[in-house]
Protein backbone atom coordinates (compact mmCIF):
# COMPACT_ATOMS: atom_id res chain seq x y z
CA MET A 1 23.22 12.49 34.35
CA SER A 2 21.88 15.94 33.48
CA GLY A 3 18.91 16.83 31.33
CA SER A 4 21.16 18.23 28.64
CA VAL A 5 23.21 15.01 28.49
CA LEU A 6 20.05 12.90 28.23
CA ARG A 7 18.69 15.18 25.50
CA SER A 8 21.96 14.85 23.61
CA GLN A 9 21.79 11.05 23.87
CA LEU A 10 18.20 10.99 22.61
CA LEU A 11 19.03 13.24 19.66
CA GLY A 12 22.11 11.16 18.91
CA TYR A 13 20.06 7.96 18.89
CA PHE A 14 17.55 9.36 16.42
CA ASN A 15 20.32 10.85 14.32
CA ASP A 16 21.99 7.42 14.02
CA GLU A 17 18.81 5.42 13.42
CA VAL A 18 16.68 7.63 11.15
CA SER A 19 17.28 6.92 7.47
CA VAL A 20 16.27 9.28 4.63
CA GLU A 21 16.72 8.15 1.03
CA PRO A 22 15.65 9.60 -2.33
CA TYR A 23 12.36 8.15 -3.49
CA GLY A 24 10.36 8.77 -6.64
CA ASP A 25 10.32 12.13 -8.38
CA GLY A 26 11.89 14.56 -5.90
CA GLY A 27 10.62 12.75 -2.81
CA PHE A 28 12.11 10.85 0.10
CA LEU A 29 11.62 7.54 1.89
CA ILE A 30 12.05 7.79 5.66
CA TRP A 31 12.68 4.89 8.03
CA MET A 32 12.10 5.67 11.69
CA PRO A 33 13.43 3.81 14.79
CA LEU A 34 9.89 3.18 16.09
CA PHE A 35 8.04 -0.08 15.72
CA HIS A 36 4.67 -1.74 16.01
CA SER A 37 4.46 -4.67 18.41
CA SER A 38 4.72 -7.02 15.41
CA GLY A 39 8.19 -5.68 14.72
CA ASP A 40 7.22 -3.73 11.62
CA GLY A 41 9.07 -0.44 11.59
CA VAL A 42 7.34 2.75 10.52
CA SER A 43 8.38 4.05 7.10
CA LEU A 44 6.93 7.14 5.43
CA THR A 45 7.22 8.82 2.07
CA VAL A 46 7.51 12.57 1.60
CA ARG A 47 6.60 13.88 -1.87
CA PRO A 48 6.22 17.37 -3.39
CA GLU A 49 2.52 18.23 -3.61
CA SER A 50 0.56 21.46 -4.23
CA GLY A 51 3.35 23.82 -3.23
CA GLY A 52 4.24 21.83 -0.12
CA TRP A 53 4.83 18.22 0.87
CA LEU A 54 2.58 15.18 1.22
CA VAL A 55 3.62 12.88 4.08
CA SER A 56 2.15 9.38 3.81
CA ASP A 57 2.58 5.80 4.95
CA ASP A 58 1.16 4.81 1.53
CA GLY A 59 -1.17 2.36 3.22
CA THR A 60 1.57 0.19 4.74
CA THR A 61 0.23 0.50 8.31
CA LEU A 62 -3.22 -0.81 7.42
CA ALA A 63 -1.80 -3.47 5.10
CA ALA A 64 0.35 -4.87 7.92
CA LEU A 65 -2.40 -4.71 10.54
CA ASP A 66 -5.20 -5.97 8.28
CA PRO A 67 -3.59 -8.16 5.59
CA PHE A 68 -6.88 -9.74 4.48
CA GLY A 69 -8.94 -6.53 4.38
CA GLU A 70 -11.52 -7.82 6.83
CA LEU A 71 -11.29 -4.92 9.29
CA SER A 72 -11.61 -2.39 6.48
CA GLU A 73 -15.03 -3.78 5.60
CA ARG A 74 -16.47 -2.99 9.04
CA ASP A 75 -18.42 0.29 9.28
CA ARG A 76 -17.27 1.24 12.78
CA PHE A 77 -13.64 0.59 11.89
CA GLN A 78 -13.96 2.72 8.76
CA GLU A 79 -15.41 5.58 10.80
CA SER A 80 -12.60 5.45 13.36
CA TRP A 81 -9.98 5.05 10.65
CA GLY A 82 -11.27 8.13 8.85
CA ARG A 83 -10.58 10.24 11.95
CA LEU A 84 -7.15 8.73 12.62
CA ALA A 85 -5.85 8.70 9.04
CA ARG A 86 -5.73 12.49 8.62
CA PRO A 87 -3.54 13.84 11.45
CA GLY A 88 -2.38 17.42 11.79
CA ASN A 89 -4.50 19.90 9.88
CA GLY A 90 -6.33 17.05 8.17
CA HIS A 91 -5.79 18.53 4.71
CA VAL A 92 -4.74 16.31 1.81
CA PRO A 93 -5.06 17.65 -1.75
CA ALA A 94 -7.72 15.78 -3.75
CA ASP A 95 -8.44 13.93 -0.54
CA SER A 96 -10.50 10.82 -0.11
CA VAL A 97 -9.95 8.81 3.04
CA GLY A 98 -8.45 5.55 1.87
CA PRO A 99 -5.97 3.05 3.29
CA GLU A 100 -3.14 5.52 3.75
CA ILE A 101 -2.33 7.73 6.75
CA ALA A 102 -1.41 11.06 5.20
CA ALA A 103 -1.16 14.80 5.79
CA TRP A 104 -0.03 17.79 3.76
CA ALA A 105 2.62 20.16 5.12
CA PRO A 106 4.30 23.39 4.17
CA ALA A 107 8.09 23.18 4.13
CA SER A 108 8.24 25.15 7.39
CA ASP A 109 6.29 22.47 9.30
CA LEU A 110 7.41 19.35 7.46
CA ALA A 111 9.24 17.72 10.36
CA GLY A 112 6.29 18.29 12.69
CA VAL A 113 3.83 16.73 10.26
CA VAL A 114 6.16 13.76 9.73
CA PHE A 115 5.99 13.07 13.45
CA ARG A 116 2.20 13.50 13.53
CA VAL A 117 1.80 10.92 10.76
CA LEU A 118 4.26 8.69 12.61
CA GLU A 119 2.20 9.01 15.79
CA ALA A 120 -1.00 8.15 13.94
CA SER A 121 0.63 5.04 12.47
CA LEU A 122 1.55 3.82 15.94
CA ARG A 123 -1.91 4.64 17.35
CA ALA A 124 -3.52 2.64 14.55
CA GLU A 125 -2.38 -0.58 16.17
CA GLY A 126 -4.69 -0.07 19.13
CA LEU A 127 -7.61 0.59 16.81
CA ALA A 128 -6.85 -2.52 14.76
CA TYR A 129 -6.38 -4.65 17.87
CA CYS A 130 -9.79 -3.74 19.27
CA ALA A 131 -11.50 -4.39 15.95
CA SER A 132 -9.61 -7.63 15.22
CA LYS A 133 -10.69 -9.36 18.45
CA SER A 134 -14.01 -10.19 16.83
CA VAL A 135 -12.46 -11.04 13.46
CA GLY A 136 -9.91 -13.52 14.75
CA ARG A 137 -7.08 -12.61 12.38
CA SER A 138 -3.41 -11.85 13.05
CA ASP A 139 -1.29 -9.26 11.30
CA ALA A 140 1.08 -10.37 8.56
CA SER A 141 4.27 -10.17 10.60
CA SER A 142 2.74 -12.23 13.39
CA MET A 143 1.71 -14.90 10.89
CA VAL A 144 5.24 -15.10 9.50
CA TYR A 145 6.72 -15.15 13.00
CA GLN A 146 4.39 -17.98 13.98
CA ALA A 147 5.33 -19.99 10.90
CA VAL A 148 8.99 -19.71 11.90
CA ALA A 149 8.27 -20.49 15.55
CA ASP A 150 6.35 -23.61 14.52
CA VAL A 151 9.56 -25.23 13.33
CA ALA A 152 12.56 -23.47 14.94
CA PRO A 153 13.25 -24.18 18.63
CA ARG A 154 14.69 -20.73 19.35
CA VAL A 155 13.10 -17.72 17.66
CA GLN A 156 13.44 -14.07 18.61
CA ARG A 157 10.74 -11.66 17.54
CA ASN A 158 11.98 -8.31 16.20
CA ALA A 159 15.57 -9.51 15.98
CA LYS A 160 18.29 -7.05 15.05
CA ILE A 161 20.84 -7.60 12.31
CA THR A 162 24.00 -5.63 11.68
CA MET A 163 24.52 -3.62 8.52
CA ARG A 164 27.86 -3.26 6.78
CA SER A 165 28.01 0.28 8.19
CA GLY A 166 27.80 -1.08 11.75
CA ARG A 167 24.25 0.17 12.28
CA THR A 168 21.48 -2.26 13.18
CA ARG A 169 18.07 -2.80 11.61
CA GLN A 170 15.14 -4.78 12.92
CA VAL A 171 13.62 -7.76 11.11
CA THR A 172 10.44 -9.75 11.68
CA ALA A 173 12.15 -12.69 13.38
CA GLY A 174 15.53 -14.23 14.01
CA VAL A 175 16.31 -17.93 14.26
CA MET A 176 18.87 -18.22 17.06
CA ASP A 177 21.40 -20.91 17.96
CA GLU A 178 21.95 -22.36 21.43
CA HIS A 179 24.20 -19.39 22.29
CA ASP A 180 21.55 -16.87 21.22
CA GLN A 181 23.51 -15.94 18.13
CA LEU A 182 21.58 -15.12 14.97
CA ARG A 183 21.50 -17.98 12.47
CA VAL A 184 18.77 -16.83 10.05
CA ALA A 185 17.12 -13.41 9.71
CA VAL A 186 13.51 -13.49 8.54
CA GLN A 187 11.63 -10.53 7.05
CA ALA A 188 7.93 -10.56 6.13
CA MET A 189 6.67 -9.01 2.89
CA THR A 190 2.99 -8.24 2.43
CA GLY A 191 0.63 -6.01 0.46
CA ARG A 192 -2.82 -6.18 -1.08
CA THR A 193 -2.03 -3.56 -3.73
CA ARG A 194 0.86 -3.01 -6.12
CA GLU A 195 1.97 0.11 -4.24
CA LEU A 196 2.03 -1.72 -0.92
CA ARG A 197 3.94 -4.65 -2.39
CA ASN A 198 6.48 -2.19 -3.79
CA ARG A 199 6.96 -0.62 -0.37
CA SER A 200 7.25 -3.98 1.36
CA HIS A 201 9.79 -5.04 -1.25
CA ASP A 202 11.77 -1.82 -0.75
CA THR A 203 12.00 -2.42 2.99
CA ALA A 204 13.19 -6.01 2.63
CA TYR A 205 15.66 -5.08 -0.11
CA SER A 206 17.06 -2.18 1.90
CA ILE A 207 17.56 -4.26 5.05
CA PHE A 208 19.08 -7.34 3.44
CA GLY A 209 20.96 -5.54 0.68
CA THR A 210 23.24 -3.91 3.25
CA SER A 211 23.37 -6.72 5.81
CA ARG A 212 26.56 -8.47 6.89
CA LEU A 213 24.76 -11.83 6.95
CA PRO A 214 25.48 -14.17 4.03
CA ARG A 215 22.64 -14.26 1.50
CA GLU A 216 21.70 -17.86 2.32
CA ARG A 217 20.95 -16.79 5.91
CA ARG A 218 18.58 -14.01 4.87
CA LEU A 219 15.03 -15.28 4.40
CA VAL A 220 12.12 -13.26 3.05
CA VAL A 221 8.68 -14.79 3.59
CA ALA A 222 6.08 -13.25 1.29
CA VAL A 223 2.50 -13.43 2.55
CA GLY A 224 0.30 -15.15 0.04
CA SER A 225 1.27 -17.25 -2.98
CA HIS A 226 3.82 -16.77 -5.75
CA SER A 227 1.05 -15.82 -8.21
CA MET A 228 0.04 -12.83 -6.06
CA TRP A 229 3.44 -11.16 -6.45
CA GLU A 230 4.95 -9.34 -9.41
CA SER A 231 7.81 -11.45 -10.77
CA PHE A 232 10.22 -8.51 -10.98
CA LEU A 233 9.77 -7.72 -7.28
CA ILE A 234 10.56 -11.30 -6.32
CA ALA A 235 13.54 -11.41 -8.70
CA GLU A 236 15.03 -8.26 -7.16
CA VAL A 237 14.63 -9.48 -3.59
CA GLU A 238 16.18 -12.82 -4.57
CA GLU A 239 19.36 -10.87 -5.38
CA VAL A 240 19.84 -10.23 -1.67
CA ALA A 241 17.86 -13.01 0.09
CA VAL A 242 16.17 -16.37 -0.24
CA VAL A 243 12.43 -15.92 -0.89
CA ARG A 244 9.69 -18.31 0.19
CA PHE A 245 5.89 -17.94 0.32
CA LEU A 246 3.62 -18.29 3.33
CA ASP A 247 1.06 -20.22 1.29
CA ASP A 248 3.71 -22.95 1.02
CA PRO A 249 4.78 -23.33 4.67
CA ASP A 250 6.73 -26.52 3.96
CA SER A 251 9.15 -24.51 1.84
CA VAL A 252 9.67 -22.13 4.78
CA TYR A 253 10.25 -25.07 7.13
CA ARG A 254 12.77 -26.65 4.76
CA GLU A 255 14.73 -23.42 4.42
CA ILE A 256 14.95 -22.93 8.18
CA GLY A 257 15.74 -26.64 8.63
CA LYS A 258 19.05 -26.13 6.81
CA PHE A 259 20.32 -24.20 9.82
CA VAL A 260 18.62 -25.80 12.83
CA ASP A 261 18.15 -29.31 14.15
CA LEU A 262 14.46 -30.07 13.49
């Protein structure tokens, strides 16, 4: 094994796993093969802004790590978040430090800024973990995973499912059979704002809409109750998966029970 061969393998892996799709008015939605410990992958949007590009997680990192908004209300967390949420040159047009991790980039440095925002998203988990120890809350994906693990005897966190193209994508949890074969793929959806719910919906729809699994074995668990979610988002996800709500755990248990011996 030479350094050049290893470099080629690394570049090949990223080339196969990075996904870039059109998004919004002239922008892009990027999925990266890097994940938080909860299994949530990092996705970023890139949009034309002020003669360059605005790279943002649109608040999805904080929404996943702090689904109830309790960390965001703490002064020390807000101070630390303000420093972390503006990586790179720290410039965002019409900037006010909010829930998103974002940075502006000229076209010549766009890839570099994408990776700096990506790095900040991953670093945010450590910040949230330290702050959450005194709050006593779990992130959304962990709550969904635990709900599945409460009823299924064999559950794999961050399970991989195969797309029709042959590529793999990671989901929140997989219910496995006695031979460690995937029976049900489970993806969490969460979001305190409309924008975050849209992004969470887009991720679930993208993963399950191109999966080889039959629809009845694709389960989306939306954090919260049915009334919290826009009906059109739920209707679209139901085209590609079964949808249940975490506020009604019995419905999640019943859905999983169709495929495992409870």
